[in-house]
All heavy atoms as atom14 arrays in JSON, in Angstrom:
{
  "sequence": "TYRTDVPQEGRLHGTLNESPDEIRISTFPTLFGEKAVVRLFAG",
  "atom14_mask": [
    [1, 1, 1, 1, 1, 1, 1, 0, 0, 0, 0, 0, 0, 0],
    [1, 1, 1, 1, 1, 1, 1, 1, 1, 1, 1, 1, 0, 0],
    [1, 1, 1, 1, 1, 1, 1, 1, 1, 1, 1, 0, 0, 0],
    [1, 1, 1, 1, 1, 1, 1, 0, 0, 0, 0, 0, 0, 0],
    [1, 1, 1, 1, 1, 1, 1, 1, 0, 0, 0, 0, 0, 0],
    [1, 1, 1, 1, 1, 1, 1, 0, 0, 0, 0, 0, 0, 0],
    [1, 1, 1, 1, 1, 1, 1, 0, 0, 0, 0, 0, 0, 0],
    [1, 1, 1, 1, 1, 1, 1, 1, 1, 0, 0, 0, 0, 0],
    [1, 1, 1, 1, 1, 1, 1, 1, 1, 0, 0, 0, 0, 0],
    [1, 1, 1, 1, 0, 0, 0, 0, 0, 0, 0, 0, 0, 0],
    [1, 1, 1, 1, 1, 1, 1, 1, 1, 1, 1, 0, 0, 0],
    [1, 1, 1, 1, 1, 1, 1, 1, 0, 0, 0, 0, 0, 0],
    [1, 1, 1, 1, 1, 1, 1, 1, 1, 1, 0, 0, 0, 0],
    [1, 1, 1, 1, 0, 0, 0, 0, 0, 0, 0, 0, 0, 0],
    [1, 1, 1, 1, 1, 1, 1, 0, 0, 0, 0, 0, 0, 0],
    [1, 1, 1, 1, 1, 1, 1, 1, 0, 0, 0, 0, 0, 0],
    [1, 1, 1, 1, 1, 1, 1, 1, 0, 0, 0, 0, 0, 0],
    [1, 1, 1, 1, 1, 1, 1, 1, 1, 0, 0, 0, 0, 0],
    [1, 1, 1, 1, 1, 1, 0, 0, 0, 0, 0, 0, 0, 0],
    [1, 1, 1, 1, 1, 1, 1, 0, 0, 0, 0, 0, 0, 0],
    [1, 1, 1, 1, 1, 1, 1, 1, 0, 0, 0, 0, 0, 0],
    [1, 1, 1, 1, 1, 1, 1, 1, 1, 0, 0, 0, 0, 0],
    [1, 1, 1, 1, 1, 1, 1, 1, 0, 0, 0, 0, 0, 0],
    [1, 1, 1, 1, 1, 1, 1, 1, 1, 1, 1, 0, 0, 0],
    [1, 1, 1, 1, 1, 1, 1, 1, 0, 0, 0, 0, 0, 0],
    [1, 1, 1, 1, 1, 1, 0, 0, 0, 0, 0, 0, 0, 0],
    [1, 1, 1, 1, 1, 1, 1, 0, 0, 0, 0, 0, 0, 0],
    [1, 1, 1, 1, 1, 1, 1, 1, 1, 1, 1, 0, 0, 0],
    [1, 1, 1, 1, 1, 1, 1, 0, 0, 0, 0, 0, 0, 0],
    [1, 1, 1, 1, 1, 1, 1, 0, 0, 0, 0, 0, 0, 0],
    [1, 1, 1, 1, 1, 1, 1, 1, 0, 0, 0, 0, 0, 0],
    [1, 1, 1, 1, 1, 1, 1, 1, 1, 1, 1, 0, 0, 0],
    [1, 1, 1, 1, 0, 0, 0, 0, 0, 0, 0, 0, 0, 0],
    [1, 1, 1, 1, 1, 1, 1, 1, 1, 0, 0, 0, 0, 0],
    [1, 1, 1, 1, 1, 1, 1, 1, 1, 0, 0, 0, 0, 0],
    [1, 1, 1, 1, 1, 0, 0, 0, 0, 0, 0, 0, 0, 0],
    [1, 1, 1, 1, 1, 1, 1, 0, 0, 0, 0, 0, 0, 0],
    [1, 1, 1, 1, 1, 1, 1, 0, 0, 0, 0, 0, 0, 0],
    [1, 1, 1, 1, 1, 1, 1, 1, 1, 1, 1, 0, 0, 0],
    [1, 1, 1, 1, 1, 1, 1, 1, 0, 0, 0, 0, 0, 0],
    [1, 1, 1, 1, 1, 1, 1, 1, 1, 1, 1, 0, 0, 0],
    [1, 1, 1, 1, 1, 0, 0, 0, 0, 0, 0, 0, 0, 0],
    [1, 1, 1, 1, 0, 0, 0, 0, 0, 0, 0, 0, 0, 0]
  ],
  "atom14_positions": [
    [[0.82, -1.21, 0.0], [0.0, 0.0, 0.0], [0.85, 1.26, 0.0], [0.4, 2.31, -0.47], [-0.93, 0.01, 1.22], [-0.15, -0.1, 2.41], [-1.93, -1.14, 1.15], [0.0, 0.0, 0.0], [0.0, 0.0, 0.0], [0.0, 0.0, 0.0], [0.0, 0.0, 0.0], [0.0, 0.0, 0.0], [0.0, 0.0, 0.0], [0.0, 0.0, 0.0]],
    [[2.08, 1.18, 0.52], [2.91, 2.38, 0.61], [3.67, 2.68, -0.67], [4.25, 3.75, -0.81], [3.91, 2.24, 1.78], [4.87, 1.1, 1.65], [6.08, 1.25, 0.96], [4.58, -0.14, 2.21], [6.96, 0.19, 0.84], [5.45, -1.2, 2.09], [6.65, -1.03, 1.4], [7.52, -2.09, 1.27], [0.0, 0.0, 0.0], [0.0, 0.0, 0.0]],
    [[3.64, 1.74, -1.64], [4.3, 2.0, -2.93], [3.24, 2.49, -3.92], [2.44, 1.71, -4.43], [4.99, 0.75, -3.46], [6.18, 0.28, -2.66], [7.25, 1.35, -2.54], [7.74, 1.87, -3.79], [8.79, 1.38, -4.46], [9.45, 0.34, -3.96], [9.18, 1.94, -5.57], [0.0, 0.0, 0.0], [0.0, 0.0, 0.0], [0.0, 0.0, 0.0]],
    [[3.24, 3.78, -4.14], [2.28, 4.37, -5.1], [2.98, 4.85, -6.36], [2.34, 5.44, -7.23], [1.55, 5.56, -4.45], [2.51, 6.56, -4.09], [0.78, 5.12, -3.22], [0.0, 0.0, 0.0], [0.0, 0.0, 0.0], [0.0, 0.0, 0.0], [0.0, 0.0, 0.0], [0.0, 0.0, 0.0], [0.0, 0.0, 0.0], [0.0, 0.0, 0.0]],
    [[4.29, 4.61, -6.45], [5.08, 5.14, -7.57], [5.46, 4.07, -8.59], [6.13, 4.36, -9.57], [6.36, 5.8, -7.04], [7.18, 4.85, -6.17], [6.62, 3.84, -5.7], [8.39, 5.11, -5.99], [0.0, 0.0, 0.0], [0.0, 0.0, 0.0], [0.0, 0.0, 0.0], [0.0, 0.0, 0.0], [0.0, 0.0, 0.0], [0.0, 0.0, 0.0]],
    [[5.03, 2.81, -8.37], [5.37, 1.74, -9.3], [4.12, 0.91, -9.59], [3.22, 0.81, -8.75], [6.48, 0.82, -8.73], [7.79, 1.57, -8.59], [6.04, 0.22, -7.39], [0.0, 0.0, 0.0], [0.0, 0.0, 0.0], [0.0, 0.0, 0.0], [0.0, 0.0, 0.0], [0.0, 0.0, 0.0], [0.0, 0.0, 0.0], [0.0, 0.0, 0.0]],
    [[4.04, 0.29, -10.77], [2.9, -0.6, -11.07], [2.97, -1.84, -10.19], [4.05, -2.32, -9.83], [3.11, -0.97, -12.55], [4.07, 0.05, -13.08], [4.93, 0.45, -11.94], [0.0, 0.0, 0.0], [0.0, 0.0, 0.0], [0.0, 0.0, 0.0], [0.0, 0.0, 0.0], [0.0, 0.0, 0.0], [0.0, 0.0, 0.0], [0.0, 0.0, 0.0]],
    [[1.8, -2.36, -9.82], [1.72, -3.6, -9.06], [0.57, -4.46, -9.59], [-0.41, -3.94, -10.13], [1.49, -3.32, -7.57], [2.62, -2.57, -6.88], [2.41, -2.5, -5.38], [2.39, -3.52, -4.68], [2.22, -1.28, -4.88], [0.0, 0.0, 0.0], [0.0, 0.0, 0.0], [0.0, 0.0, 0.0], [0.0, 0.0, 0.0], [0.0, 0.0, 0.0]],
    [[0.71, -5.77, -9.44], [-0.33, -6.71, -9.88], [-0.53, -7.77, -8.81], [0.42, -8.14, -8.12], [0.06, -7.39, -11.2], [0.19, -6.46, -12.38], [0.61, -7.2, -13.62], [0.56, -8.44, -13.62], [0.98, -6.53, -14.61], [0.0, 0.0, 0.0], [0.0, 0.0, 0.0], [0.0, 0.0, 0.0], [0.0, 0.0, 0.0], [0.0, 0.0, 0.0]],
    [[-1.75, -8.25, -8.68], [-2.01, -9.31, -7.72], [-3.39, -9.91, -7.89], [-4.21, -9.42, -8.67], [0.0, 0.0, 0.0], [0.0, 0.0, 0.0], [0.0, 0.0, 0.0], [0.0, 0.0, 0.0], [0.0, 0.0, 0.0], [0.0, 0.0, 0.0], [0.0, 0.0, 0.0], [0.0, 0.0, 0.0], [0.0, 0.0, 0.0], [0.0, 0.0, 0.0]],
    [[-3.61, -11.0, -7.15], [-4.92, -11.66, -7.12], [-5.7, -11.18, -5.91], [-5.12, -10.81, -4.9], [-4.74, -13.18, -7.0], [-4.35, -13.9, -8.26], [-4.43, -15.41, -7.98], [-4.18, -16.19, -9.18], [-3.0, -16.68, -9.51], [-1.96, -16.45, -8.72], [-2.84, -17.39, -10.59], [0.0, 0.0, 0.0], [0.0, 0.0, 0.0], [0.0, 0.0, 0.0]],
    [[-7.01, -11.23, -6.04], [-7.85, -10.84, -4.91], [-7.87, -11.96, -3.87], [-8.04, -13.13, -4.2], [-9.28, -10.57, -5.37], [-10.2, -10.01, -4.3], [-9.87, -8.56, -4.03], [-11.64, -10.12, -4.71], [0.0, 0.0, 0.0], [0.0, 0.0, 0.0], [0.0, 0.0, 0.0], [0.0, 0.0, 0.0], [0.0, 0.0, 0.0], [0.0, 0.0, 0.0]],
    [[-7.69, -11.59, -2.62], [-7.75, -12.53, -1.52], [-8.82, -12.04, -0.54], [-9.18, -10.88, -0.53], [-6.42, -12.63, -0.78], [-5.31, -13.12, -1.64], [-4.99, -14.46, -1.76], [-4.43, -12.45, -2.44], [-3.96, -14.59, -2.58], [-3.61, -13.4, -3.01], [0.0, 0.0, 0.0], [0.0, 0.0, 0.0], [0.0, 0.0, 0.0], [0.0, 0.0, 0.0]],
    [[-9.29, -12.93, 0.3], [-10.22, -12.51, 1.34], [-11.65, -12.88, 1.03], [-11.97, -13.55, 0.05], [0.0, 0.0, 0.0], [0.0, 0.0, 0.0], [0.0, 0.0, 0.0], [0.0, 0.0, 0.0], [0.0, 0.0, 0.0], [0.0, 0.0, 0.0], [0.0, 0.0, 0.0], [0.0, 0.0, 0.0], [0.0, 0.0, 0.0], [0.0, 0.0, 0.0]],
    [[-12.56, -12.38, 1.87], [-13.96, -12.81, 1.8], [-14.74, -12.19, 0.65], [-15.82, -12.64, 0.32], [-14.68, -12.44, 3.11], [-14.57, -11.02, 3.31], [-14.05, -13.15, 4.29], [0.0, 0.0, 0.0], [0.0, 0.0, 0.0], [0.0, 0.0, 0.0], [0.0, 0.0, 0.0], [0.0, 0.0, 0.0], [0.0, 0.0, 0.0], [0.0, 0.0, 0.0]],
    [[-14.19, -11.13, 0.02], [-14.95, -10.5, -1.07], [-15.02, -11.41, -2.28], [-15.9, -11.26, -3.12], [-14.3, -9.17, -1.47], [-14.57, -8.0, -0.54], [-14.04, -6.72, -1.14], [-16.05, -7.86, -0.24], [0.0, 0.0, 0.0], [0.0, 0.0, 0.0], [0.0, 0.0, 0.0], [0.0, 0.0, 0.0], [0.0, 0.0, 0.0], [0.0, 0.0, 0.0]],
    [[-14.06, -12.32, -2.41], [-14.09, -13.24, -3.55], [-14.53, -14.62, -3.07], [-13.75, -15.56, -3.05], [-12.71, -13.32, -4.21], [-12.78, -14.02, -5.56], [-13.85, -14.11, -6.16], [-11.66, -14.52, -6.02], [0.0, 0.0, 0.0], [0.0, 0.0, 0.0], [0.0, 0.0, 0.0], [0.0, 0.0, 0.0], [0.0, 0.0, 0.0], [0.0, 0.0, 0.0]],
    [[-15.81, -14.73, -2.68], [-16.31, -15.98, -2.14], [-16.47, -17.03, -3.22], [-16.42, -18.22, -2.95], [-17.65, -15.73, -1.46], [-17.52, -14.84, -0.22], [-18.87, -14.5, 0.38], [-19.88, -14.85, -0.26], [-18.92, -13.89, 1.45], [0.0, 0.0, 0.0], [0.0, 0.0, 0.0], [0.0, 0.0, 0.0], [0.0, 0.0, 0.0], [0.0, 0.0, 0.0]],
    [[-16.66, -16.62, -4.49], [-16.76, -17.59, -5.57], [-15.35, -18.0, -5.99], [-14.38, -17.32, -5.71], [-17.49, -16.96, -6.77], [-16.63, -16.09, -7.46], [0.0, 0.0, 0.0], [0.0, 0.0, 0.0], [0.0, 0.0, 0.0], [0.0, 0.0, 0.0], [0.0, 0.0, 0.0], [0.0, 0.0, 0.0], [0.0, 0.0, 0.0], [0.0, 0.0, 0.0]],
    [[-15.23, -19.15, -6.69], [-13.91, -19.58, -7.14], [-13.43, -18.84, -8.39], [-12.37, -19.14, -8.9], [-14.13, -21.07, -7.43], [-15.57, -21.18, -7.81], [-16.29, -20.14, -6.97], [0.0, 0.0, 0.0], [0.0, 0.0, 0.0], [0.0, 0.0, 0.0], [0.0, 0.0, 0.0], [0.0, 0.0, 0.0], [0.0, 0.0, 0.0], [0.0, 0.0, 0.0]],
    [[-14.2, -17.89, -8.88], [-13.81, -17.15, -10.08], [-12.58, -16.29, -9.8], [-12.42, -15.73, -8.72], [-14.97, -16.26, -10.55], [-16.22, -17.06, -10.86], [-16.09, -18.28, -11.03], [-17.3, -16.46, -10.91], [0.0, 0.0, 0.0], [0.0, 0.0, 0.0], [0.0, 0.0, 0.0], [0.0, 0.0, 0.0], [0.0, 0.0, 0.0], [0.0, 0.0, 0.0]],
    [[-11.75, -16.17, -10.81], [-10.5, -15.42, -10.68], [-10.75, -13.92, -10.76], [-11.5, -13.44, -11.62], [-9.54, -15.85, -11.8], [-8.21, -15.16, -11.79], [-7.28, -15.71, -10.71], [-7.64, -16.68, -10.03], [-6.18, -15.15, -10.57], [0.0, 0.0, 0.0], [0.0, 0.0, 0.0], [0.0, 0.0, 0.0], [0.0, 0.0, 0.0], [0.0, 0.0, 0.0]],
    [[-10.13, -13.15, -9.87], [-10.18, -11.69, -9.9], [-8.75, -11.18, -9.77], [-8.05, -11.53, -8.82], [-11.05, -11.1, -8.76], [-12.5, -11.57, -8.9], [-11.0, -9.58, -8.78], [-13.42, -11.05, -7.8], [0.0, 0.0, 0.0], [0.0, 0.0, 0.0], [0.0, 0.0, 0.0], [0.0, 0.0, 0.0], [0.0, 0.0, 0.0], [0.0, 0.0, 0.0]],
    [[-8.32, -10.37, -10.72], [-6.97, -9.82, -10.68], [-7.04, -8.3, -10.56], [-7.96, -7.67, -11.09], [-6.18, -10.2, -11.93], [-5.85, -11.67, -11.99], [-4.89, -11.99, -13.13], [-4.58, -13.4, -13.13], [-3.64, -13.97, -12.39], [-2.92, -13.21, -11.58], [-3.42, -15.26, -12.45], [0.0, 0.0, 0.0], [0.0, 0.0, 0.0], [0.0, 0.0, 0.0]],
    [[-6.04, -7.73, -9.9], [-5.99, -6.29, -9.69], [-4.65, -5.76, -10.17], [-3.59, -6.33, -9.86], [-6.2, -5.95, -8.2], [-7.63, -6.33, -7.77], [-5.96, -4.48, -7.93], [-7.89, -6.23, -6.29], [0.0, 0.0, 0.0], [0.0, 0.0, 0.0], [0.0, 0.0, 0.0], [0.0, 0.0, 0.0], [0.0, 0.0, 0.0], [0.0, 0.0, 0.0]],
    [[-4.68, -4.68, -10.93], [-3.48, -4.05, -11.44], [-3.54, -2.56, -11.11], [-4.57, -1.92, -11.34], [-3.36, -4.25, -12.96], [-2.35, -3.44, -13.5], [0.0, 0.0, 0.0], [0.0, 0.0, 0.0], [0.0, 0.0, 0.0], [0.0, 0.0, 0.0], [0.0, 0.0, 0.0], [0.0, 0.0, 0.0], [0.0, 0.0, 0.0], [0.0, 0.0, 0.0]],
    [[-2.45, -2.01, -10.55], [-2.4, -0.57, -10.27], [-1.27, 0.05, -11.08], [-0.28, -0.6, -11.42], [-2.16, -0.31, -8.77], [-0.87, -0.83, -8.39], [-3.24, -0.95, -7.93], [0.0, 0.0, 0.0], [0.0, 0.0, 0.0], [0.0, 0.0, 0.0], [0.0, 0.0, 0.0], [0.0, 0.0, 0.0], [0.0, 0.0, 0.0], [0.0, 0.0, 0.0]],
    [[-1.44, 1.35, -11.39], [-0.46, 2.04, -12.23], [-0.46, 3.52, -11.86], [-1.52, 4.14, -11.79], [-0.83, 1.88, -13.71], [0.32, 2.11, -14.65], [1.13, 1.06, -15.05], [0.6, 3.38, -15.13], [2.2, 1.27, -15.91], [1.66, 3.6, -15.99], [2.47, 2.54, -16.38], [0.0, 0.0, 0.0], [0.0, 0.0, 0.0], [0.0, 0.0, 0.0]],
    [[0.73, 4.1, -11.64], [0.78, 5.52, -11.26], [0.44, 6.43, -12.44], [0.9, 6.21, -13.56], [2.24, 5.72, -10.81], [3.01, 4.63, -11.49], [2.06, 3.48, -11.61], [0.0, 0.0, 0.0], [0.0, 0.0, 0.0], [0.0, 0.0, 0.0], [0.0, 0.0, 0.0], [0.0, 0.0, 0.0], [0.0, 0.0, 0.0], [0.0, 0.0, 0.0]],
    [[-0.39, 7.45, -12.21], [-0.74, 8.43, -13.24], [-0.56, 9.83, -12.67], [-0.2, 10.01, -11.51], [-2.2, 8.26, -13.71], [-3.09, 8.69, -12.65], [-2.51, 6.82, -14.06], [0.0, 0.0, 0.0], [0.0, 0.0, 0.0], [0.0, 0.0, 0.0], [0.0, 0.0, 0.0], [0.0, 0.0, 0.0], [0.0, 0.0, 0.0], [0.0, 0.0, 0.0]],
    [[-0.86, 10.84, -13.47], [-0.67, 12.23, -13.09], [-1.42, 12.59, -11.81], [-0.92, 13.31, -10.95], [-1.1, 13.15, -14.23], [-1.03, 14.65, -13.97], [0.41, 15.08, -13.69], [-1.6, 15.43, -15.17], [0.0, 0.0, 0.0], [0.0, 0.0, 0.0], [0.0, 0.0, 0.0], [0.0, 0.0, 0.0], [0.0, 0.0, 0.0], [0.0, 0.0, 0.0]],
    [[-2.66, 12.08, -11.68], [-3.5, 12.46, -10.55], [-3.62, 11.36, -9.5], [-4.51, 11.4, -8.65], [-4.9, 12.85, -11.06], [-4.88, 14.05, -11.96], [-5.13, 13.91, -13.32], [-4.58, 15.31, -11.47], [-5.12, 15.01, -14.17], [-4.55, 16.41, -12.3], [-4.82, 16.27, -13.66], [0.0, 0.0, 0.0], [0.0, 0.0, 0.0], [0.0, 0.0, 0.0]],
    [[-2.73, 10.39, -9.53], [-2.78, 9.31, -8.55], [-2.77, 7.96, -9.22], [-2.6, 7.84, -10.44], [0.0, 0.0, 0.0], [0.0, 0.0, 0.0], [0.0, 0.0, 0.0], [0.0, 0.0, 0.0], [0.0, 0.0, 0.0], [0.0, 0.0, 0.0], [0.0, 0.0, 0.0], [0.0, 0.0, 0.0], [0.0, 0.0, 0.0], [0.0, 0.0, 0.0]],
    [[-2.98, 6.93, -8.44], [-2.93, 5.57, -8.98], [-4.24, 5.17, -9.66], [-5.32, 5.32, -9.1], [-2.63, 4.58, -7.86], [-1.2, 4.58, -7.38], [-0.97, 3.49, -6.36], [-1.43, 3.65, -5.23], [-0.33, 2.49, -6.7], [0.0, 0.0, 0.0], [0.0, 0.0, 0.0], [0.0, 0.0, 0.0], [0.0, 0.0, 0.0], [0.0, 0.0, 0.0]],
    [[-4.08, 4.64, -10.85], [-5.21, 4.04, -11.57], [-5.25, 2.55, -11.2], [-4.22, 1.89, -11.1], [-5.03, 4.19, -13.07], [-6.07, 3.44, -13.9], [-5.72, 3.51, -15.39], [-6.7, 2.67, -16.21], [-6.35, 2.66, -17.65], [0.0, 0.0, 0.0], [0.0, 0.0, 0.0], [0.0, 0.0, 0.0], [0.0, 0.0, 0.0], [0.0, 0.0, 0.0]],
    [[-6.45, 2.02, -11.03], [-6.61, 0.59, -10.74], [-7.53, -0.03, -11.76], [-8.55, 0.56, -12.14], [-7.16, 0.39, -9.33], [0.0, 0.0, 0.0], [0.0, 0.0, 0.0], [0.0, 0.0, 0.0], [0.0, 0.0, 0.0], [0.0, 0.0, 0.0], [0.0, 0.0, 0.0], [0.0, 0.0, 0.0], [0.0, 0.0, 0.0], [0.0, 0.0, 0.0]],
    [[-7.17, -1.21, -12.23], [-8.03, -1.99, -13.13], [-8.24, -3.36, -12.51], [-7.28, -4.04, -12.15], [-7.41, -2.12, -14.54], [-8.28, -3.04, -15.4], [-7.28, -0.76, -15.19], [0.0, 0.0, 0.0], [0.0, 0.0, 0.0], [0.0, 0.0, 0.0], [0.0, 0.0, 0.0], [0.0, 0.0, 0.0], [0.0, 0.0, 0.0], [0.0, 0.0, 0.0]],
    [[-9.49, -3.73, -12.36], [-9.85, -5.03, -11.81], [-10.35, -5.9, -12.95], [-11.29, -5.53, -13.66], [-10.95, -4.89, -10.74], [-11.3, -6.26, -10.14], [-10.52, -3.93, -9.63], [0.0, 0.0, 0.0], [0.0, 0.0, 0.0], [0.0, 0.0, 0.0], [0.0, 0.0, 0.0], [0.0, 0.0, 0.0], [0.0, 0.0, 0.0], [0.0, 0.0, 0.0]],
    [[-9.7, -7.05, -13.15], [-10.12, -7.98, -14.2], [-10.95, -9.1, -13.58], [-10.51, -9.77, -12.65], [-8.87, -8.56, -14.89], [-9.12, -9.76, -15.8], [-10.02, -9.47, -16.97], [-9.51, -8.45, -17.86], [-8.72, -8.7, -18.91], [-8.32, -9.93, -19.15], [-8.35, -7.73, -19.69], [0.0, 0.0, 0.0], [0.0, 0.0, 0.0], [0.0, 0.0, 0.0]],
    [[-12.17, -9.25, -14.08], [-13.1, -10.27, -13.59], [-13.19, -11.36, -14.65], [-13.78, -11.15, -15.72], [-14.48, -9.66, -13.34], [-14.52, -8.45, -12.39], [-15.85, -7.74, -12.48], [-14.25, -8.89, -10.96], [0.0, 0.0, 0.0], [0.0, 0.0, 0.0], [0.0, 0.0, 0.0], [0.0, 0.0, 0.0], [0.0, 0.0, 0.0], [0.0, 0.0, 0.0]],
    [[-12.61, -12.49, -14.37], [-12.62, -13.58, -15.35], [-13.97, -14.28, -15.36], [-14.71, -14.26, -14.37], [-11.5, -14.57, -15.05], [-10.13, -14.02, -15.33], [-9.39, -13.43, -14.33], [-9.6, -14.07, -16.62], [-8.13, -12.92, -14.58], [-8.35, -13.55, -16.87], [-7.6, -12.97, -15.86], [0.0, 0.0, 0.0], [0.0, 0.0, 0.0], [0.0, 0.0, 0.0]],
    [[-14.26, -14.92, -16.49], [-15.53, -15.63, -16.64], [-15.66, -16.71, -15.59], [-14.67, -17.28, -15.12], [-15.63, -16.26, -18.04], [0.0, 0.0, 0.0], [0.0, 0.0, 0.0], [0.0, 0.0, 0.0], [0.0, 0.0, 0.0], [0.0, 0.0, 0.0], [0.0, 0.0, 0.0], [0.0, 0.0, 0.0], [0.0, 0.0, 0.0], [0.0, 0.0, 0.0]],
    [[-16.89, -16.99, -15.2], [-17.15, -17.99, -14.17], [-16.57, -19.35, -14.54], [-16.44, -19.69, -15.71], [0.0, 0.0, 0.0], [0.0, 0.0, 0.0], [0.0, 0.0, 0.0], [0.0, 0.0, 0.0], [0.0, 0.0, 0.0], [0.0, 0.0, 0.0], [0.0, 0.0, 0.0], [0.0, 0.0, 0.0], [0.0, 0.0, 0.0], [0.0, 0.0, 0.0]]
  ]
}
């Protein structure tokens, strides 16, 4: 969370992803802060 100056990628963990479907998160630094893209794979 403290690195806002570099891109990061990861899988979703925790109770929000109760289904076995894959969820990936990618962050990227931009002019006005970090952009985040969440990829929701097909069931």
